[in-house]
N, C-alpha and C. Protein backbone atom coordinates (compact mmCIF):
# COMPACT_ATOMS: atom_id res chain seq x y z
N MET A 1 11.76 -24.84 9.11
CA MET A 1 11.20 -23.50 9.25
C MET A 1 10.75 -22.95 7.89
N LYS A 2 11.57 -23.15 6.84
CA LYS A 2 11.21 -22.64 5.52
C LYS A 2 9.91 -23.28 5.02
N ILE A 3 9.75 -24.58 5.27
CA ILE A 3 8.54 -25.27 4.84
C ILE A 3 7.32 -24.67 5.52
N ILE A 4 7.45 -24.40 6.82
CA ILE A 4 6.34 -23.81 7.57
C ILE A 4 6.00 -22.42 7.04
N LEU A 5 7.03 -21.61 6.81
CA LEU A 5 6.81 -20.25 6.31
C LEU A 5 6.18 -20.26 4.93
N ASP A 6 6.65 -21.16 4.06
CA ASP A 6 6.08 -21.26 2.72
C ASP A 6 4.61 -21.67 2.78
N TYR A 7 4.30 -22.57 3.70
CA TYR A 7 2.91 -23.01 3.87
C TYR A 7 2.03 -21.85 4.33
N MET A 8 2.54 -21.06 5.28
CA MET A 8 1.77 -19.93 5.79
C MET A 8 1.57 -18.88 4.71
N ARG A 9 2.60 -18.65 3.90
CA ARG A 9 2.45 -17.69 2.79
C ARG A 9 1.38 -18.15 1.82
N GLY A 10 1.34 -19.46 1.57
CA GLY A 10 0.34 -20.02 0.67
C GLY A 10 -1.07 -19.81 1.20
N LEU A 11 -1.25 -19.96 2.51
CA LEU A 11 -2.56 -19.74 3.11
C LEU A 11 -3.06 -18.33 2.89
N LEU A 12 -2.14 -17.36 2.85
CA LEU A 12 -2.52 -15.96 2.70
C LEU A 12 -3.08 -15.65 1.32
N ASP A 13 -2.99 -16.59 0.38
CA ASP A 13 -3.62 -16.40 -0.92
C ASP A 13 -5.14 -16.37 -0.80
N SER A 14 -5.67 -16.98 0.26
CA SER A 14 -7.11 -16.95 0.51
C SER A 14 -7.48 -15.60 1.11
N ALA A 15 -8.50 -14.95 0.54
CA ALA A 15 -8.93 -13.65 1.05
C ALA A 15 -9.38 -13.74 2.50
N TYR A 16 -10.03 -14.83 2.85
CA TYR A 16 -10.55 -14.97 4.21
C TYR A 16 -9.43 -15.20 5.21
N ILE A 17 -8.46 -16.05 4.86
CA ILE A 17 -7.31 -16.28 5.73
C ILE A 17 -6.48 -15.01 5.85
N PHE A 18 -6.32 -14.31 4.73
CA PHE A 18 -5.57 -13.05 4.74
C PHE A 18 -6.20 -12.05 5.71
N ASN A 19 -7.53 -11.89 5.63
CA ASN A 19 -8.21 -10.95 6.52
C ASN A 19 -8.12 -11.37 7.98
N LEU A 20 -8.20 -12.69 8.24
CA LEU A 20 -8.08 -13.17 9.61
C LEU A 20 -6.69 -12.87 10.17
N PHE A 21 -5.67 -13.14 9.37
CA PHE A 21 -4.30 -12.85 9.79
C PHE A 21 -4.12 -11.36 10.06
N GLU A 22 -4.64 -10.54 9.16
CA GLU A 22 -4.53 -9.10 9.33
C GLU A 22 -5.23 -8.62 10.61
N LYS A 23 -6.38 -9.21 10.89
CA LYS A 23 -7.11 -8.84 12.10
C LYS A 23 -6.32 -9.18 13.35
N LEU A 24 -5.74 -10.38 13.38
CA LEU A 24 -4.95 -10.80 14.54
C LEU A 24 -3.71 -9.92 14.72
N ALA A 25 -3.19 -9.42 13.61
CA ALA A 25 -1.98 -8.59 13.66
C ALA A 25 -2.27 -7.14 14.02
N GLY A 26 -3.55 -6.79 14.11
CA GLY A 26 -3.90 -5.41 14.44
C GLY A 26 -3.95 -4.50 13.24
N ALA A 27 -4.20 -5.09 12.06
CA ALA A 27 -4.17 -4.28 10.83
C ALA A 27 -5.30 -3.26 10.79
N GLY A 28 -6.40 -3.54 11.49
CA GLY A 28 -7.50 -2.58 11.50
C GLY A 28 -7.07 -1.23 12.06
N ASP A 29 -6.44 -1.26 13.22
CA ASP A 29 -5.95 -0.01 13.81
C ASP A 29 -4.87 0.63 12.94
N ALA A 30 -4.04 -0.20 12.31
CA ALA A 30 -3.00 0.33 11.43
C ALA A 30 -3.62 1.04 10.23
N ARG A 31 -4.66 0.45 9.66
CA ARG A 31 -5.32 1.09 8.52
C ARG A 31 -5.99 2.40 8.95
N ARG A 32 -6.62 2.38 10.11
CA ARG A 32 -7.26 3.60 10.61
C ARG A 32 -6.24 4.73 10.77
N ARG A 33 -5.11 4.42 11.35
CA ARG A 33 -4.07 5.43 11.52
C ARG A 33 -3.50 5.86 10.18
N PHE A 34 -3.31 4.90 9.27
CA PHE A 34 -2.78 5.22 7.95
C PHE A 34 -3.71 6.20 7.23
N VAL A 35 -5.01 5.97 7.34
CA VAL A 35 -5.98 6.85 6.70
C VAL A 35 -6.01 8.22 7.39
N ASN A 36 -6.16 8.21 8.70
CA ASN A 36 -6.37 9.47 9.43
C ASN A 36 -5.12 10.34 9.54
N ASP A 37 -3.95 9.70 9.65
CA ASP A 37 -2.72 10.45 9.90
C ASP A 37 -1.89 10.71 8.64
N TYR A 38 -2.06 9.87 7.61
CA TYR A 38 -1.15 9.98 6.47
C TYR A 38 -1.86 10.21 5.13
N ILE A 39 -2.99 9.55 4.91
CA ILE A 39 -3.74 9.87 3.69
C ILE A 39 -4.49 11.18 3.91
N ILE A 40 -5.23 11.27 4.99
CA ILE A 40 -6.02 12.45 5.37
C ILE A 40 -7.00 12.80 4.25
N PRO A 41 -7.92 11.89 3.94
CA PRO A 41 -8.87 12.14 2.84
C PRO A 41 -9.93 13.15 3.23
N PHE A 42 -10.52 13.78 2.24
CA PHE A 42 -11.60 14.73 2.49
C PHE A 42 -12.84 14.28 1.72
N ASP A 43 -13.98 14.82 2.08
CA ASP A 43 -15.23 14.46 1.42
C ASP A 43 -15.14 14.75 -0.07
N GLY A 44 -15.54 13.78 -0.87
CA GLY A 44 -15.53 13.94 -2.31
C GLY A 44 -14.19 13.67 -2.97
N ALA A 45 -13.20 13.26 -2.20
CA ALA A 45 -11.86 13.01 -2.76
C ALA A 45 -11.89 11.84 -3.74
N SER A 46 -11.06 11.93 -4.75
CA SER A 46 -10.85 10.82 -5.69
C SER A 46 -9.59 10.08 -5.26
N ILE A 47 -9.72 8.76 -5.09
CA ILE A 47 -8.65 7.96 -4.48
C ILE A 47 -8.38 6.72 -5.31
N LEU A 48 -7.11 6.48 -5.60
CA LEU A 48 -6.68 5.25 -6.27
C LEU A 48 -5.81 4.45 -5.32
N ASP A 49 -6.20 3.20 -5.11
CA ASP A 49 -5.50 2.29 -4.20
C ASP A 49 -4.81 1.21 -5.03
N ILE A 50 -3.49 1.30 -5.15
CA ILE A 50 -2.72 0.34 -5.94
C ILE A 50 -2.26 -0.79 -5.01
N GLY A 51 -2.82 -1.98 -5.23
CA GLY A 51 -2.58 -3.09 -4.32
C GLY A 51 -3.61 -3.09 -3.21
N CYS A 52 -4.88 -2.99 -3.59
CA CYS A 52 -5.96 -2.76 -2.62
C CYS A 52 -6.30 -3.98 -1.78
N GLY A 53 -5.79 -5.16 -2.16
CA GLY A 53 -6.11 -6.36 -1.40
C GLY A 53 -7.60 -6.62 -1.39
N THR A 54 -8.16 -6.85 -0.21
CA THR A 54 -9.59 -7.15 -0.09
C THR A 54 -10.45 -5.90 0.13
N GLY A 55 -9.85 -4.74 0.03
CA GLY A 55 -10.60 -3.49 0.12
C GLY A 55 -10.98 -3.06 1.52
N GLU A 56 -10.40 -3.71 2.53
CA GLU A 56 -10.79 -3.44 3.91
C GLU A 56 -10.52 -2.00 4.35
N ILE A 57 -9.63 -1.31 3.65
CA ILE A 57 -9.33 0.07 4.06
C ILE A 57 -10.54 0.98 3.93
N LEU A 58 -11.52 0.57 3.11
CA LEU A 58 -12.73 1.37 2.96
C LEU A 58 -13.52 1.48 4.27
N GLU A 59 -13.28 0.57 5.19
CA GLU A 59 -13.93 0.65 6.50
C GLU A 59 -13.56 1.94 7.23
N TYR A 60 -12.45 2.55 6.85
CA TYR A 60 -11.92 3.70 7.58
C TYR A 60 -11.92 4.97 6.73
N MET A 61 -12.51 4.89 5.54
CA MET A 61 -12.59 6.02 4.63
C MET A 61 -13.93 6.74 4.78
N PRO A 62 -13.98 8.03 4.43
CA PRO A 62 -15.27 8.72 4.38
C PRO A 62 -16.20 8.02 3.39
N GLU A 63 -17.50 8.16 3.61
CA GLU A 63 -18.47 7.48 2.76
C GLU A 63 -18.48 8.04 1.33
N ASN A 64 -18.38 9.36 1.22
CA ASN A 64 -18.57 9.99 -0.10
C ASN A 64 -17.24 10.31 -0.77
N ILE A 65 -16.49 9.26 -1.08
CA ILE A 65 -15.27 9.41 -1.87
C ILE A 65 -15.45 8.64 -3.17
N ASN A 66 -14.62 8.96 -4.14
CA ASN A 66 -14.59 8.22 -5.40
C ASN A 66 -13.36 7.31 -5.37
N TYR A 67 -13.59 6.03 -5.14
CA TYR A 67 -12.51 5.08 -4.86
C TYR A 67 -12.37 4.07 -5.99
N VAL A 68 -11.11 3.84 -6.39
CA VAL A 68 -10.77 2.80 -7.37
C VAL A 68 -9.65 1.96 -6.78
N GLY A 69 -9.79 0.64 -6.85
CA GLY A 69 -8.76 -0.25 -6.32
C GLY A 69 -8.26 -1.24 -7.35
N PHE A 70 -6.94 -1.42 -7.41
CA PHE A 70 -6.29 -2.42 -8.25
C PHE A 70 -5.66 -3.49 -7.37
N ASP A 71 -5.72 -4.73 -7.77
CA ASP A 71 -4.92 -5.78 -7.16
C ASP A 71 -4.79 -6.92 -8.16
N PHE A 72 -3.64 -7.60 -8.16
CA PHE A 72 -3.44 -8.68 -9.12
C PHE A 72 -4.05 -10.00 -8.65
N SER A 73 -4.52 -10.07 -7.40
CA SER A 73 -5.12 -11.29 -6.87
C SER A 73 -6.60 -11.35 -7.20
N HIS A 74 -6.97 -12.32 -8.02
CA HIS A 74 -8.38 -12.48 -8.39
C HIS A 74 -9.24 -12.75 -7.16
N LYS A 75 -8.73 -13.54 -6.22
CA LYS A 75 -9.50 -13.88 -5.01
C LYS A 75 -9.75 -12.63 -4.16
N TYR A 76 -8.73 -11.80 -4.03
CA TYR A 76 -8.90 -10.58 -3.23
C TYR A 76 -9.91 -9.63 -3.89
N ILE A 77 -9.82 -9.49 -5.20
CA ILE A 77 -10.71 -8.58 -5.91
C ILE A 77 -12.16 -9.06 -5.85
N GLU A 78 -12.37 -10.36 -6.00
CA GLU A 78 -13.73 -10.89 -5.91
C GLU A 78 -14.32 -10.62 -4.53
N TYR A 79 -13.51 -10.82 -3.51
CA TYR A 79 -13.95 -10.53 -2.14
C TYR A 79 -14.31 -9.05 -2.01
N ALA A 80 -13.44 -8.18 -2.51
CA ALA A 80 -13.67 -6.73 -2.41
C ALA A 80 -14.94 -6.32 -3.14
N LYS A 81 -15.15 -6.87 -4.32
CA LYS A 81 -16.36 -6.54 -5.09
C LYS A 81 -17.62 -6.96 -4.34
N ASN A 82 -17.58 -8.16 -3.75
CA ASN A 82 -18.75 -8.67 -3.04
C ASN A 82 -19.06 -7.85 -1.79
N LYS A 83 -18.02 -7.39 -1.10
CA LYS A 83 -18.24 -6.68 0.17
C LYS A 83 -18.35 -5.17 0.00
N TYR A 84 -17.58 -4.61 -0.94
CA TYR A 84 -17.50 -3.15 -1.04
C TYR A 84 -17.85 -2.64 -2.44
N GLY A 85 -18.49 -3.47 -3.24
CA GLY A 85 -18.79 -3.07 -4.62
C GLY A 85 -19.67 -1.84 -4.73
N ASN A 86 -20.42 -1.54 -3.67
CA ASN A 86 -21.27 -0.35 -3.68
C ASN A 86 -20.52 0.91 -3.28
N ARG A 87 -19.24 0.76 -2.92
CA ARG A 87 -18.47 1.92 -2.45
C ARG A 87 -17.30 2.27 -3.36
N GLY A 88 -17.01 1.43 -4.32
CA GLY A 88 -15.88 1.71 -5.20
C GLY A 88 -15.84 0.77 -6.38
N LYS A 89 -14.85 0.97 -7.22
CA LYS A 89 -14.64 0.11 -8.39
C LYS A 89 -13.35 -0.67 -8.18
N PHE A 90 -13.41 -1.97 -8.48
CA PHE A 90 -12.27 -2.85 -8.25
C PHE A 90 -11.88 -3.56 -9.54
N TYR A 91 -10.57 -3.63 -9.78
CA TYR A 91 -10.06 -4.25 -11.00
C TYR A 91 -8.94 -5.22 -10.66
N CYS A 92 -9.02 -6.41 -11.25
CA CYS A 92 -7.95 -7.39 -11.08
C CYS A 92 -6.88 -7.08 -12.12
N GLU A 93 -5.91 -6.28 -11.71
CA GLU A 93 -4.89 -5.80 -12.64
C GLU A 93 -3.69 -5.30 -11.84
N SER A 94 -2.53 -5.40 -12.44
CA SER A 94 -1.34 -4.79 -11.86
C SER A 94 -1.10 -3.45 -12.53
N VAL A 95 -0.31 -2.62 -11.92
CA VAL A 95 -0.08 -1.29 -12.47
C VAL A 95 0.66 -1.35 -13.80
N SER A 96 1.37 -2.46 -14.06
CA SER A 96 2.07 -2.61 -15.33
C SER A 96 1.17 -3.21 -16.41
N GLY A 97 -0.07 -3.56 -16.04
CA GLY A 97 -1.00 -4.14 -17.00
C GLY A 97 -1.88 -3.08 -17.63
N ASP A 98 -3.10 -3.48 -17.96
CA ASP A 98 -4.05 -2.58 -18.60
C ASP A 98 -4.69 -1.67 -17.56
N THR A 99 -4.30 -0.42 -17.55
CA THR A 99 -4.88 0.54 -16.60
C THR A 99 -5.66 1.62 -17.34
N SER A 100 -6.20 1.26 -18.50
CA SER A 100 -6.92 2.23 -19.32
C SER A 100 -8.21 2.71 -18.67
N MET A 101 -8.65 2.01 -17.62
CA MET A 101 -9.88 2.41 -16.94
C MET A 101 -9.69 3.63 -16.04
N VAL A 102 -8.45 4.06 -15.84
CA VAL A 102 -8.19 5.29 -15.07
C VAL A 102 -7.46 6.29 -15.96
N SER A 103 -7.69 7.56 -15.70
CA SER A 103 -7.13 8.62 -16.53
C SER A 103 -6.03 9.37 -15.79
N ASP A 104 -5.15 9.99 -16.55
CA ASP A 104 -4.09 10.81 -15.97
C ASP A 104 -4.69 12.06 -15.31
N ASN A 105 -3.96 12.59 -14.33
CA ASN A 105 -4.34 13.84 -13.66
C ASN A 105 -5.76 13.79 -13.09
N THR A 106 -6.11 12.66 -12.49
CA THR A 106 -7.49 12.42 -12.05
C THR A 106 -7.66 12.37 -10.54
N PHE A 107 -6.65 11.90 -9.82
CA PHE A 107 -6.84 11.54 -8.41
C PHE A 107 -6.21 12.55 -7.45
N ASP A 108 -6.93 12.79 -6.36
CA ASP A 108 -6.39 13.61 -5.28
C ASP A 108 -5.35 12.84 -4.47
N PHE A 109 -5.60 11.54 -4.33
CA PHE A 109 -4.69 10.67 -3.57
C PHE A 109 -4.48 9.36 -4.33
N VAL A 110 -3.24 8.95 -4.41
CA VAL A 110 -2.91 7.60 -4.85
C VAL A 110 -2.09 7.00 -3.72
N PHE A 111 -2.44 5.81 -3.29
CA PHE A 111 -1.62 5.18 -2.26
C PHE A 111 -1.37 3.71 -2.56
N SER A 112 -0.29 3.23 -1.98
CA SER A 112 0.13 1.85 -2.19
C SER A 112 0.61 1.32 -0.84
N LEU A 113 -0.23 0.50 -0.22
CA LEU A 113 0.00 0.03 1.14
C LEU A 113 0.61 -1.38 1.10
N GLY A 114 1.90 -1.46 1.45
CA GLY A 114 2.56 -2.76 1.50
C GLY A 114 2.81 -3.39 0.15
N VAL A 115 3.15 -2.59 -0.85
CA VAL A 115 3.35 -3.11 -2.21
C VAL A 115 4.79 -2.98 -2.68
N ILE A 116 5.41 -1.83 -2.45
CA ILE A 116 6.72 -1.56 -3.06
C ILE A 116 7.77 -2.57 -2.64
N HIS A 117 7.66 -3.12 -1.44
CA HIS A 117 8.67 -4.10 -1.02
C HIS A 117 8.52 -5.45 -1.72
N HIS A 118 7.49 -5.58 -2.56
CA HIS A 118 7.34 -6.77 -3.40
C HIS A 118 7.94 -6.55 -4.79
N LEU A 119 8.42 -5.35 -5.08
CA LEU A 119 8.83 -4.98 -6.43
C LEU A 119 10.32 -4.71 -6.51
N ASN A 120 10.93 -5.16 -7.61
CA ASN A 120 12.33 -4.80 -7.85
C ASN A 120 12.39 -3.33 -8.25
N GLU A 121 13.59 -2.82 -8.48
CA GLU A 121 13.74 -1.38 -8.71
C GLU A 121 12.96 -0.90 -9.93
N ASP A 122 13.07 -1.62 -11.04
CA ASP A 122 12.37 -1.20 -12.25
C ASP A 122 10.85 -1.21 -12.05
N GLU A 123 10.35 -2.26 -11.42
CA GLU A 123 8.91 -2.37 -11.17
C GLU A 123 8.44 -1.28 -10.21
N ALA A 124 9.23 -1.03 -9.17
CA ALA A 124 8.86 0.00 -8.20
C ALA A 124 8.84 1.38 -8.85
N LEU A 125 9.83 1.66 -9.68
CA LEU A 125 9.88 2.96 -10.36
C LEU A 125 8.70 3.12 -11.32
N GLU A 126 8.29 2.03 -11.96
CA GLU A 126 7.13 2.09 -12.84
C GLU A 126 5.88 2.44 -12.04
N LEU A 127 5.71 1.78 -10.90
CA LEU A 127 4.54 2.07 -10.06
C LEU A 127 4.56 3.52 -9.59
N ILE A 128 5.68 3.97 -9.08
CA ILE A 128 5.78 5.34 -8.55
C ILE A 128 5.54 6.36 -9.66
N SER A 129 6.10 6.12 -10.83
CA SER A 129 5.94 7.04 -11.96
C SER A 129 4.48 7.10 -12.41
N LYS A 130 3.83 5.93 -12.49
CA LYS A 130 2.43 5.93 -12.90
C LYS A 130 1.55 6.59 -11.85
N ALA A 131 1.88 6.38 -10.58
CA ALA A 131 1.12 7.04 -9.52
C ALA A 131 1.16 8.55 -9.70
N LYS A 132 2.33 9.07 -10.00
CA LYS A 132 2.46 10.52 -10.21
C LYS A 132 1.63 10.96 -11.41
N THR A 133 1.63 10.16 -12.46
CA THR A 133 0.87 10.50 -13.66
C THR A 133 -0.63 10.56 -13.37
N TYR A 134 -1.11 9.65 -12.53
CA TYR A 134 -2.54 9.60 -12.22
C TYR A 134 -2.98 10.75 -11.31
N LEU A 135 -2.05 11.33 -10.56
CA LEU A 135 -2.40 12.39 -9.61
C LEU A 135 -2.74 13.71 -10.30
N LYS A 136 -3.68 14.42 -9.71
CA LYS A 136 -3.89 15.81 -10.09
C LYS A 136 -2.68 16.63 -9.63
N PRO A 137 -2.44 17.79 -10.23
CA PRO A 137 -1.40 18.68 -9.68
C PRO A 137 -1.70 18.99 -8.22
N GLY A 138 -0.71 18.82 -7.36
CA GLY A 138 -0.91 19.01 -5.94
C GLY A 138 -1.41 17.78 -5.22
N GLY A 139 -1.70 16.71 -5.98
CA GLY A 139 -2.14 15.46 -5.37
C GLY A 139 -1.01 14.77 -4.62
N VAL A 140 -1.38 13.79 -3.79
CA VAL A 140 -0.41 13.17 -2.89
C VAL A 140 -0.35 11.66 -3.12
N PHE A 141 0.87 11.14 -3.19
CA PHE A 141 1.13 9.70 -3.27
C PHE A 141 1.65 9.24 -1.92
N ILE A 142 0.99 8.22 -1.35
CA ILE A 142 1.34 7.75 -0.01
C ILE A 142 1.71 6.27 -0.07
N THR A 143 2.77 5.89 0.62
CA THR A 143 3.18 4.49 0.67
C THR A 143 3.45 4.07 2.12
N MET A 144 3.34 2.77 2.36
CA MET A 144 3.79 2.21 3.63
C MET A 144 4.34 0.81 3.37
N ASP A 145 5.57 0.58 3.82
CA ASP A 145 6.24 -0.71 3.62
C ASP A 145 7.13 -1.02 4.81
N PRO A 146 7.44 -2.31 5.02
CA PRO A 146 8.43 -2.65 6.04
C PRO A 146 9.79 -2.10 5.67
N VAL A 147 10.63 -1.84 6.68
CA VAL A 147 11.93 -1.21 6.43
C VAL A 147 12.96 -1.75 7.40
N TYR A 148 14.19 -1.85 6.92
CA TYR A 148 15.32 -2.17 7.80
C TYR A 148 15.89 -0.88 8.36
N VAL A 149 16.03 -0.82 9.68
CA VAL A 149 16.56 0.38 10.33
C VAL A 149 17.65 -0.01 11.32
N ASP A 150 18.48 0.96 11.67
CA ASP A 150 19.51 0.74 12.68
C ASP A 150 18.84 0.47 14.03
N GLY A 151 19.42 -0.44 14.80
CA GLY A 151 18.89 -0.74 16.12
C GLY A 151 17.57 -1.47 16.11
N GLN A 152 17.27 -2.13 15.01
CA GLN A 152 16.01 -2.84 14.86
C GLN A 152 15.89 -4.00 15.86
N SER A 153 14.69 -4.19 16.40
CA SER A 153 14.50 -5.30 17.34
C SER A 153 14.62 -6.63 16.60
N LYS A 154 14.98 -7.66 17.35
CA LYS A 154 15.12 -8.99 16.75
C LYS A 154 13.80 -9.49 16.18
N ILE A 155 12.71 -9.17 16.87
CA ILE A 155 11.39 -9.61 16.39
C ILE A 155 11.06 -8.95 15.06
N SER A 156 11.24 -7.63 14.99
CA SER A 156 10.95 -6.91 13.76
C SER A 156 11.81 -7.41 12.61
N LYS A 157 13.09 -7.59 12.85
CA LYS A 157 13.99 -8.05 11.79
C LYS A 157 13.63 -9.46 11.33
N PHE A 158 13.30 -10.35 12.26
CA PHE A 158 12.92 -11.71 11.89
C PHE A 158 11.67 -11.71 11.01
N LEU A 159 10.67 -10.94 11.43
CA LEU A 159 9.42 -10.90 10.67
C LEU A 159 9.63 -10.29 9.29
N ILE A 160 10.44 -9.24 9.21
CA ILE A 160 10.69 -8.61 7.92
C ILE A 160 11.54 -9.52 7.04
N ASP A 161 12.51 -10.21 7.63
CA ASP A 161 13.32 -11.16 6.86
C ASP A 161 12.45 -12.23 6.20
N ASN A 162 11.35 -12.57 6.84
CA ASN A 162 10.49 -13.65 6.36
C ASN A 162 9.19 -13.15 5.73
N ASP A 163 9.14 -11.88 5.41
CA ASP A 163 8.00 -11.30 4.72
C ASP A 163 7.88 -11.90 3.32
N ARG A 164 6.65 -11.91 2.79
CA ARG A 164 6.46 -12.41 1.42
C ARG A 164 7.17 -11.54 0.39
N GLY A 165 7.38 -10.26 0.72
CA GLY A 165 8.08 -9.37 -0.20
C GLY A 165 9.57 -9.63 -0.21
N GLU A 166 10.15 -9.68 -1.39
CA GLU A 166 11.57 -10.01 -1.54
C GLU A 166 12.46 -8.78 -1.64
N TYR A 167 11.86 -7.57 -1.59
CA TYR A 167 12.64 -6.36 -1.84
C TYR A 167 12.45 -5.32 -0.72
N VAL A 168 12.44 -5.80 0.51
CA VAL A 168 12.41 -4.86 1.64
C VAL A 168 13.72 -4.07 1.64
N ARG A 169 13.62 -2.76 1.74
CA ARG A 169 14.80 -1.89 1.65
C ARG A 169 15.07 -1.19 2.98
N ASN A 170 16.23 -0.56 3.05
CA ASN A 170 16.49 0.33 4.17
C ASN A 170 16.02 1.73 3.79
N LEU A 171 16.18 2.69 4.70
CA LEU A 171 15.70 4.04 4.44
C LEU A 171 16.32 4.63 3.18
N LYS A 172 17.61 4.43 3.02
CA LYS A 172 18.31 4.97 1.85
C LYS A 172 17.74 4.41 0.57
N GLY A 173 17.43 3.12 0.56
CA GLY A 173 16.91 2.48 -0.64
C GLY A 173 15.56 3.03 -1.05
N TYR A 174 14.65 3.17 -0.08
CA TYR A 174 13.33 3.71 -0.40
C TYR A 174 13.43 5.18 -0.83
N ARG A 175 14.25 5.95 -0.13
CA ARG A 175 14.38 7.37 -0.46
C ARG A 175 14.93 7.56 -1.87
N LYS A 176 15.85 6.71 -2.24
CA LYS A 176 16.44 6.79 -3.58
C LYS A 176 15.38 6.58 -4.65
N LEU A 177 14.49 5.60 -4.43
CA LEU A 177 13.42 5.34 -5.39
C LEU A 177 12.50 6.55 -5.53
N LEU A 178 12.01 7.06 -4.41
CA LEU A 178 11.05 8.17 -4.45
C LEU A 178 11.66 9.41 -5.07
N SER A 179 12.93 9.67 -4.78
CA SER A 179 13.57 10.90 -5.26
C SER A 179 13.75 10.91 -6.77
N LYS A 180 13.70 9.76 -7.40
CA LYS A 180 13.83 9.70 -8.85
C LYS A 180 12.57 10.18 -9.56
N VAL A 181 11.46 10.24 -8.82
CA VAL A 181 10.18 10.60 -9.43
C VAL A 181 9.59 11.87 -8.82
N PHE A 182 9.65 12.00 -7.51
CA PHE A 182 9.03 13.12 -6.81
C PHE A 182 10.08 14.09 -6.26
N LYS A 183 9.81 15.38 -6.42
CA LYS A 183 10.71 16.39 -5.89
C LYS A 183 10.48 16.64 -4.40
N GLU A 184 9.27 16.37 -3.95
CA GLU A 184 8.90 16.72 -2.57
C GLU A 184 8.30 15.52 -1.86
N THR A 185 9.02 14.97 -0.88
CA THR A 185 8.55 13.81 -0.12
C THR A 185 8.82 14.01 1.36
N ASN A 186 7.81 13.78 2.17
CA ASN A 186 7.98 13.69 3.62
C ASN A 186 7.92 12.23 4.01
N ASP A 187 8.81 11.80 4.90
CA ASP A 187 8.81 10.39 5.27
C ASP A 187 8.86 10.20 6.78
N TYR A 188 8.41 9.03 7.21
CA TYR A 188 8.27 8.72 8.63
C TYR A 188 8.62 7.25 8.85
N THR A 189 9.29 6.97 9.95
CA THR A 189 9.55 5.59 10.36
C THR A 189 8.80 5.34 11.66
N VAL A 190 7.95 4.32 11.67
CA VAL A 190 7.14 4.02 12.85
C VAL A 190 7.28 2.55 13.20
N ASN A 191 7.11 2.25 14.48
CA ASN A 191 7.27 0.88 14.95
C ASN A 191 6.04 0.36 15.69
N ASN A 192 4.98 1.16 15.74
CA ASN A 192 3.84 0.80 16.58
C ASN A 192 2.53 0.71 15.82
N MET A 193 2.60 0.38 14.54
CA MET A 193 1.37 0.26 13.76
C MET A 193 0.65 -1.06 14.01
N MET A 194 1.39 -2.10 14.41
CA MET A 194 0.82 -3.43 14.60
C MET A 194 0.79 -3.78 16.09
N THR A 195 0.31 -4.97 16.40
CA THR A 195 0.25 -5.42 17.79
C THR A 195 1.58 -5.98 18.27
N TYR A 196 2.58 -5.99 17.41
CA TYR A 196 3.91 -6.50 17.74
C TYR A 196 4.94 -5.55 17.15
N SER A 197 6.20 -5.73 17.51
CA SER A 197 7.27 -4.87 17.03
C SER A 197 7.49 -5.09 15.53
N TYR A 198 7.32 -4.02 14.75
CA TYR A 198 7.47 -4.12 13.30
C TYR A 198 7.71 -2.72 12.76
N ASP A 199 8.79 -2.55 12.02
CA ASP A 199 9.16 -1.23 11.52
C ASP A 199 8.57 -0.96 10.15
N HIS A 200 7.86 0.16 10.04
CA HIS A 200 7.28 0.59 8.77
C HIS A 200 7.90 1.92 8.32
N TYR A 201 7.96 2.07 7.02
CA TYR A 201 8.41 3.33 6.41
C TYR A 201 7.23 3.90 5.65
N ILE A 202 6.82 5.11 6.00
CA ILE A 202 5.66 5.76 5.39
C ILE A 202 6.11 7.03 4.68
N THR A 203 5.59 7.25 3.48
CA THR A 203 5.96 8.44 2.71
C THR A 203 4.72 9.17 2.20
N ARG A 204 4.85 10.50 2.07
CA ARG A 204 3.84 11.34 1.42
C ARG A 204 4.57 12.22 0.41
N SER A 205 4.30 11.97 -0.86
CA SER A 205 4.98 12.69 -1.94
C SER A 205 3.95 13.52 -2.70
N VAL A 206 4.26 14.78 -2.92
CA VAL A 206 3.34 15.71 -3.56
C VAL A 206 3.72 15.88 -5.03
N LYS A 207 2.71 15.90 -5.90
CA LYS A 207 2.95 16.15 -7.32
C LYS A 207 3.09 17.66 -7.53
N VAL A 208 4.31 18.09 -7.68
CA VAL A 208 4.60 19.50 -7.91
C VAL A 208 4.72 19.73 -9.40
N THR A 209 4.03 20.75 -9.92
CA THR A 209 4.00 20.96 -11.36
C THR A 209 5.03 21.97 -11.84
N LYS A 210 5.58 22.77 -10.94
CA LYS A 210 6.56 23.78 -11.36
C LYS A 210 7.97 23.24 -11.26
């Protein structure tokens, strides 16, 4: 089983295989809901996507936004540039690398979709702290990651146990991270974002200046 799972994870390094897998999993509807229900972008909004992958979320964004995407995968970024280069700027970089191309207090929204569960505590805190720095006062940081919850279905637990991310947390773990950086966070646990049973933890944290 481990050999099979490792092989499948390796396939996901390809932008095309990654997008195919996401499509089969119902990621399109999940992205649409994530945008409409949790990001809630407005015309002219400035948006930073940390861990943008292949940039497919732009399919569900308003046309006239100012979008910047980071991802450490060269293959994903090249795909995003080729398909969405006319709609945003894409950089092959991690948040702990050279982010001099973005300025502090610049973005209305910063979001990180499926990233924090790949990061240990120090790395996650660095991402969350930098996200807050990049936000304008009153701006919103949004995350979505798999989560362990009480009464979890066997399917959801199995899939999360075998996720590529090594740091999937429970509710307490994620809340502890966010509370170290943001004073105001609303959070949600949902199980119906995909075509199969899978528990996600979604947060909206506001940059409060007072």
